[in-house]
Protein backbone atom coordinates (compact mmCIF):
# COMPACT_ATOMS: atom_id res chain seq x y z
CA MET A 1 0.00 0.00 0.00
CA THR A 2 1.26 3.50 -0.88
CA SER A 3 1.64 5.76 2.12
CA PRO A 4 0.33 9.32 1.96
CA SER A 5 3.85 10.64 2.04
CA ASP A 6 4.66 8.74 -1.15
CA ASN A 7 1.44 9.65 -2.97
CA PRO A 8 2.45 11.18 -6.33
CA ARG A 9 -0.85 13.06 -6.55
CA ALA A 10 -0.18 14.73 -3.19
CA ALA A 11 3.31 15.73 -4.37
CA LEU A 12 1.82 17.15 -7.57
CA LEU A 13 -0.78 19.20 -5.70
CA SER A 14 1.89 20.47 -3.32
CA ALA A 15 4.04 21.60 -6.24
CA PHE A 16 1.16 23.41 -7.96
CA GLY A 17 0.12 25.05 -4.69
CA CYS A 18 3.55 26.45 -3.91
CA TYR A 19 4.08 27.85 -7.42
CA ILE A 20 0.69 29.58 -7.51
CA MET A 21 1.49 31.22 -4.17
CA TRP A 22 4.93 32.30 -5.40
CA GLY A 23 3.45 33.63 -8.60
CA LEU A 24 1.10 35.94 -6.73
CA MET A 25 3.58 36.94 -3.99
CA PRO A 26 4.75 40.14 -5.78
CA LEU A 27 1.32 41.59 -5.00
CA LEU A 28 2.05 41.20 -1.28
CA PHE A 29 5.40 42.97 -1.49
CA ILE A 30 4.09 45.71 -3.79
CA GLY A 31 1.29 46.32 -1.30
CA GLN A 32 3.71 46.52 1.62
CA HIS A 33 5.98 48.87 -0.32
CA ALA A 34 3.01 51.13 -1.03
CA ALA A 35 2.28 51.15 2.73
CA GLY A 36 5.79 52.45 3.44
CA PHE A 37 7.90 49.32 3.95
CA ASP A 38 11.25 49.29 2.18
CA ALA A 39 12.77 46.09 0.77
CA MET A 40 15.09 45.44 3.73
CA GLU A 41 12.31 45.80 6.29
CA ILE A 42 10.11 43.43 4.31
CA LEU A 43 12.97 40.92 4.22
CA ALA A 44 13.53 41.31 7.96
CA HIS A 45 9.86 40.66 8.69
CA ARG A 46 9.98 37.61 6.44
CA THR A 47 12.87 36.13 8.39
CA VAL A 48 11.34 36.91 11.80
CA TRP A 49 7.72 35.85 11.28
CA ALA A 50 8.58 32.81 9.19
CA ALA A 51 10.14 31.17 12.26
CA PRO A 52 6.96 30.81 14.40
CA ALA A 53 4.96 29.80 11.32
CA ALA A 54 7.51 27.09 10.55
CA ALA A 55 7.47 25.99 14.21
CA LEU A 56 3.71 25.44 14.01
CA LEU A 57 4.22 23.19 10.98
CA VAL A 58 6.86 21.19 12.83
CA LEU A 59 4.57 20.74 15.83
CA ALA A 60 1.72 19.64 13.58
CA ALA A 61 3.99 17.12 11.84
CA ARG A 62 5.56 16.01 15.16
CA GLN A 63 9.06 16.57 13.80
CA GLY A 64 10.55 18.40 16.78
CA GLY A 65 12.96 15.52 17.33
CA GLN A 66 14.28 15.94 13.80
CA VAL A 67 14.99 19.62 14.40
CA ALA A 68 16.97 18.76 17.53
CA ALA A 69 18.81 16.02 15.63
CA VAL A 70 19.88 18.52 12.95
CA PHE A 71 21.57 20.71 15.56
CA ARG A 72 23.41 17.62 16.86
CA ASN A 73 24.67 16.77 13.36
CA PRO A 74 27.33 19.33 12.31
CA ARG A 75 27.51 18.09 8.72
CA LEU A 76 23.76 18.26 8.15
CA LEU A 77 23.57 21.61 9.93
CA GLY A 78 26.32 22.84 7.62
CA TRP A 79 24.35 21.85 4.52
CA LEU A 80 21.26 23.58 5.88
CA ALA A 81 23.35 26.65 6.65
CA VAL A 82 24.28 26.73 2.95
CA SER A 83 20.64 26.32 1.93
CA THR A 84 19.76 29.10 4.40
CA LEU A 85 22.28 31.42 2.77
CA LEU A 86 20.88 30.61 -0.67
CA ILE A 87 17.23 31.10 0.24
CA GLY A 88 17.92 34.20 2.34
CA THR A 89 19.76 35.99 -0.46
CA ASN A 90 17.15 34.77 -2.94
CA TRP A 91 14.42 36.35 -0.79
CA GLY A 92 16.33 39.61 -0.56
CA VAL A 93 16.92 39.96 -4.30
CA TYR A 94 13.33 38.99 -5.08
CA VAL A 95 11.83 41.45 -2.61
CA TRP A 96 14.06 44.22 -3.96
CA ALA A 97 13.07 43.38 -7.55
CA THR A 98 9.32 43.37 -6.91
CA THR A 99 9.46 46.66 -4.98
CA HIS A 100 11.63 48.38 -7.62
CA HIS A 101 9.58 47.68 -10.75
CA ALA A 102 11.69 44.69 -11.80
CA THR A 103 9.07 41.95 -11.48
CA LEU A 104 9.40 41.13 -15.18
CA GLU A 105 13.12 40.52 -14.76
CA ALA A 106 12.41 38.41 -11.68
CA SER A 107 9.88 36.37 -13.64
CA LEU A 108 12.53 35.65 -16.27
CA GLY A 109 14.69 34.16 -13.51
CA TYR A 110 11.97 31.75 -12.56
CA TYR A 111 11.39 30.80 -16.18
CA LEU A 112 15.08 29.89 -16.32
CA ASN A 113 15.04 27.98 -13.05
CA PRO A 114 13.23 24.86 -14.33
CA LEU A 115 15.68 24.62 -17.21
CA LEU A 116 18.54 24.82 -14.72
CA ASN A 117 16.79 22.09 -12.74
CA MET A 118 17.02 19.92 -15.85
CA VAL A 119 20.74 20.60 -16.17
CA PHE A 120 21.33 19.98 -12.46
CA GLY A 121 19.25 16.82 -12.63
CA LEU A 122 21.35 15.60 -15.54
CA TRP A 123 24.61 16.51 -13.86
CA LEU A 124 24.00 15.54 -10.23
CA PHE A 125 21.21 12.96 -10.25
CA ARG A 126 21.87 11.28 -13.60
CA GLU A 127 18.40 12.16 -14.83
CA ARG A 128 18.15 11.92 -18.60
CA MET A 129 17.63 14.97 -20.80
CA ASP A 130 16.27 14.23 -24.26
CA ARG A 131 16.32 16.36 -27.40
CA PHE A 132 13.31 18.34 -26.16
CA GLY A 133 15.30 19.36 -23.09
CA TRP A 134 18.31 20.46 -25.11
CA VAL A 135 16.13 22.50 -27.50
CA ALA A 136 14.38 24.09 -24.51
CA VAL A 137 17.70 25.07 -22.96
CA GLY A 138 18.90 26.48 -26.29
CA LEU A 139 15.79 28.62 -26.72
CA ALA A 140 16.13 29.87 -23.15
CA ALA A 141 19.76 30.83 -23.79
CA VAL A 142 18.68 32.91 -26.79
CA GLY A 143 16.00 34.51 -24.63
CA VAL A 144 18.54 35.48 -21.98
CA LEU A 145 20.82 36.99 -24.64
CA LEU A 146 17.96 39.06 -26.07
CA GLN A 147 16.96 40.13 -22.57
CA ALA A 148 20.51 41.35 -21.97
CA LEU A 149 20.40 43.34 -25.21
CA ALA A 150 17.02 44.83 -24.27
CA LEU A 151 18.21 45.84 -20.80
CA GLY A 152 21.62 47.02 -21.95
CA ARG A 153 23.26 44.74 -19.38
CA PRO A 154 23.16 41.09 -18.32
CA PRO A 155 19.89 40.24 -16.53
CA TRP A 156 21.66 39.86 -13.20
CA ILE A 157 18.45 39.63 -11.17
CA SER A 158 17.13 36.84 -13.39
CA LEU A 159 20.39 34.90 -13.36
CA PHE A 160 20.88 35.19 -9.60
CA LEU A 161 17.33 34.13 -8.77
CA ALA A 162 17.53 31.16 -11.14
CA LEU A 163 20.91 29.93 -9.92
CA SER A 164 20.27 30.46 -6.21
CA PHE A 165 16.91 28.72 -6.19
CA ALA A 166 18.08 25.81 -8.38
CA ALA A 167 21.01 25.28 -6.01
CA TYR A 168 18.63 25.51 -3.04
CA GLY A 169 16.43 22.80 -4.57
CA VAL A 170 19.44 20.51 -5.07
CA ILE A 171 20.59 20.87 -1.46
CA ARG A 172 17.11 20.33 -0.04
CA LYS A 173 16.66 17.26 -2.24
CA ARG A 174 19.90 15.77 -0.93
CA ALA A 175 19.65 16.82 2.73
CA PRO A 176 18.24 13.87 4.75
CA VAL A 177 15.69 15.89 6.71
CA GLU A 178 11.96 16.27 6.27
CA ALA A 179 10.57 19.43 4.72
CA GLN A 180 9.08 21.06 7.81
CA ALA A 181 12.04 20.30 10.09
CA GLY A 182 14.59 21.56 7.58
CA LEU A 183 12.59 24.70 6.94
CA LEU A 184 12.37 25.50 10.66
CA VAL A 185 16.14 25.13 10.99
CA GLU A 186 16.62 27.57 8.10
CA CYS A 187 14.19 30.03 9.67
CA LEU A 188 15.91 29.77 13.07
CA LEU A 189 19.24 30.55 11.42
CA LEU A 190 17.80 33.59 9.63
CA ALA A 191 15.55 35.00 12.36
CA PRO A 192 18.28 36.57 14.58
CA LEU A 193 19.49 38.66 11.64
CA GLY A 194 15.95 39.88 11.03
CA VAL A 195 15.45 40.73 14.71
CA LEU A 196 18.67 42.74 14.78
CA TRP A 197 17.63 44.72 11.71
CA LEU A 198 14.15 45.47 13.06
CA VAL A 199 15.61 46.60 16.39
CA TRP A 200 18.01 48.90 14.55
CA LEU A 201 15.15 50.34 12.47
CA ALA A 202 13.07 50.93 15.60
CA ARG A 203 15.90 52.76 17.36
CA ALA A 204 16.57 54.84 14.26
CA GLY A 205 12.88 55.71 13.97
CA GLN A 206 12.71 54.23 10.48
CA GLY A 207 10.61 51.12 11.04
CA VAL A 208 7.10 50.97 9.58
CA GLY A 209 5.76 47.60 10.72
CA PHE A 210 5.25 48.54 14.37
CA GLU A 211 4.57 52.27 14.14
CA ASP A 212 0.88 51.90 13.23
CA PRO A 213 -1.58 49.05 14.03
CA VAL A 214 -2.68 49.19 10.40
CA HIS A 215 0.80 48.11 9.31
CA LEU A 216 1.10 45.16 11.70
CA PRO A 217 -1.03 42.75 9.60
CA TRP A 218 1.23 43.52 6.63
CA ALA A 219 4.27 42.57 8.71
CA LEU A 220 2.73 39.42 10.18
CA SER A 221 1.49 38.20 6.80
CA ASN A 222 5.09 37.58 5.77
CA GLY A 223 5.25 34.54 8.04
CA PRO A 224 2.63 32.27 6.46
CA ALA A 225 3.22 33.74 2.99
CA THR A 226 6.87 32.72 3.26
CA VAL A 227 6.61 29.38 5.03
CA LEU A 228 3.65 27.69 3.39
CA PRO A 229 4.91 27.67 -0.22
CA LEU A 230 8.44 26.79 0.90
CA ALA A 231 7.14 23.86 2.94
CA LEU A 232 5.09 22.64 0.00
CA PHE A 233 8.10 23.00 -2.32
CA ALA A 234 10.51 21.18 0.00
CA TRP A 235 7.97 18.39 0.54
CA ALA A 236 7.41 17.96 -3.20
CA ALA A 237 11.12 18.27 -4.10
CA ARG A 238 11.97 15.16 -2.06
CA ARG A 239 9.22 13.12 -3.72
CA MET A 240 9.42 13.88 -7.44
CA PRO A 241 12.13 14.31 -10.11
CA LEU A 242 13.65 17.76 -10.48
CA SER A 243 12.67 17.72 -14.15
CA THR A 244 8.99 17.23 -13.31
CA LEU A 245 9.14 19.87 -10.62
CA GLY A 246 10.72 22.21 -13.13
CA PHE A 247 7.83 21.77 -15.57
CA ILE A 248 5.27 22.73 -12.93
CA GLN A 249 7.32 25.76 -11.95
CA PHE A 250 6.30 27.58 -15.13
CA VAL A 251 3.07 28.46 -13.30
CA ALA A 252 4.89 30.89 -10.98
CA PRO A 253 6.77 33.05 -13.50
CA THR A 254 3.69 33.24 -15.72
CA LEU A 255 1.74 34.77 -12.85
CA GLN A 256 4.69 37.02 -11.96
CA PHE A 257 4.92 38.18 -15.57
CA ALA A 258 1.21 39.04 -15.50
CA VAL A 259 1.69 41.02 -12.28
CA GLY A 260 4.61 42.93 -13.80
CA VAL A 261 2.62 43.87 -16.90
CA MET A 262 -0.47 44.82 -14.88
CA THR A 263 1.57 47.09 -12.61
CA GLY A 264 2.92 49.04 -15.58
CA GLU A 265 6.47 47.75 -16.02
CA ALA A 266 8.05 48.50 -19.40
CA LEU A 267 7.75 45.70 -21.95
CA THR A 268 9.76 46.86 -24.98
CA PRO A 269 9.50 44.98 -28.30
CA LEU A 270 12.94 43.37 -27.91
CA ARG A 271 12.15 42.40 -24.34
CA ALA A 272 8.87 40.88 -25.51
CA VAL A 273 10.76 38.86 -28.14
CA SER A 274 13.11 37.59 -25.43
CA PHE A 275 10.12 36.28 -23.50
CA VAL A 276 8.80 34.64 -26.67
CA PHE A 277 11.99 32.57 -26.81
CA ILE A 278 11.68 31.77 -23.11
CA TRP A 279 8.07 30.72 -23.58
CA GLY A 280 9.14 28.69 -26.59
CA GLY A 281 11.64 26.85 -24.40
CA ALA A 282 8.93 26.27 -21.80
CA GLY A 283 6.57 24.96 -24.49
CA VAL A 284 9.16 22.55 -25.87
CA PHE A 285 9.93 21.37 -22.36
CA ALA A 286 6.21 20.85 -21.68
CA LEU A 287 5.77 18.93 -24.94
CA GLY A 288 8.68 16.66 -24.09
CA ALA A 289 7.32 16.06 -20.59
CA LEU A 290 3.87 15.22 -22.01
CA MET A 291 5.31 12.75 -24.51
CA ARG A 292 7.43 11.06 -21.84
CA HIS A 293 4.38 10.78 -19.62
CA ARG A 294 2.36 9.13 -22.39
CA ILE A 295 5.17 6.68 -23.16
CA GLU A 296 5.46 5.75 -19.48
CA ARG A 297 1.70 5.25 -19.19
CA ARG A 298 1.67 3.09 -22.32
CA ALA A 299 4.54 0.99 -20.97
CA LEU A 300 2.77 0.53 -17.66
CA ALA A 301 -0.46 -0.44 -19.40
CA GLN A 302 1.33 -2.99 -21.56
CA GLY A 303 3.10 -4.39 -18.51
CA ALA A 304 -0.22 -4.77 -16.71
CA GLU A 305 -1.62 -6.76 -19.63
CA LEU A 306 1.20 -9.33 -19.54
CA PRO A 307 0.33 -12.60 -17.77
C-alpha cells in the first residue's frame, strides 16, 4: 500500500500550490511597499515571522525531534546553513526586484530555473535529458541573450534568482531531513538577523511595521506567505524528479509576468521577443514532458496486460 507521504498526486498538488502562491507573492510585497515598507524591512519581517509559522508546521507534523537532531549533526547543519544562505539571499533579491519595478526581470529568472533544474538533474542525479530538453535550454539561452540586449546589461536579477533557487532545490533534495524540520532550521538561522535589523530600524525611527496598528497585519502576513509555499516546495522536491518539478514551476513566472505587466512595467518589443523565446523553451519542455508521460503510461499499461 502506498503511504500518503509517497502519494504522487499529493506531491503534484503540493508543487502546484507552492508555485501559484509564489506567482502571486509580488502583490504582497508591492502592497507593503506602497504602505511604506522598504525592501530590507520586508525581508527582515519575512525572516522573523517565518520562524513561528515554521514551528507550528513542525509541531503539527511532530518533527521536533528531527529539528533537535539537525543541531546535533554538524555536517547536516552545515548543509542547511548553505541552503539558508541561498534562500535568504534569494528572498532579498526577489523582494528588492518586486518593490523596484523589476518583477518582469524576476519572472525571467523563474522561467530559467526549471531549465537549470534539468541541467542539475542531468549533472547531479543522472536524470536523462532528451532532445526536447536540449532544445528548450537552447531557446532559453537565446531569450537570456535578447533580454541582456534589451536591458543594456546582463539580466543579473534573473540569473541570480535562477541559480540560487536551483542550487537551493538541489541541497534540499539531498539533505536527509523532512521538509518542515529543515525549513524551521533555516528560519531559526535567519531570524536573529531579522530581529537585529528590526531593532536597529526601531531605534533609528525608520521602522514601519510597528509604528501603526494598520501596518502590523502587513508585517505578520510575511510569516505564512513565506513558510507555506516553501514547505510545499521542499515536501514535493523530495518526492518527485527535479525535471517534473521544473515543468510545474512555469506556473509561478507566468503569474509574476502578468503582475509585472499589470503594474505598468516596461515591456519593450525586444524584451517581448526575449520572453517569446523563453516561452518557446517552456513549451518545448512541456511537450517533451507530455510525450514522456504518455510513453510511461503506455509501458505501464502494456506491462499490466502481460500474464
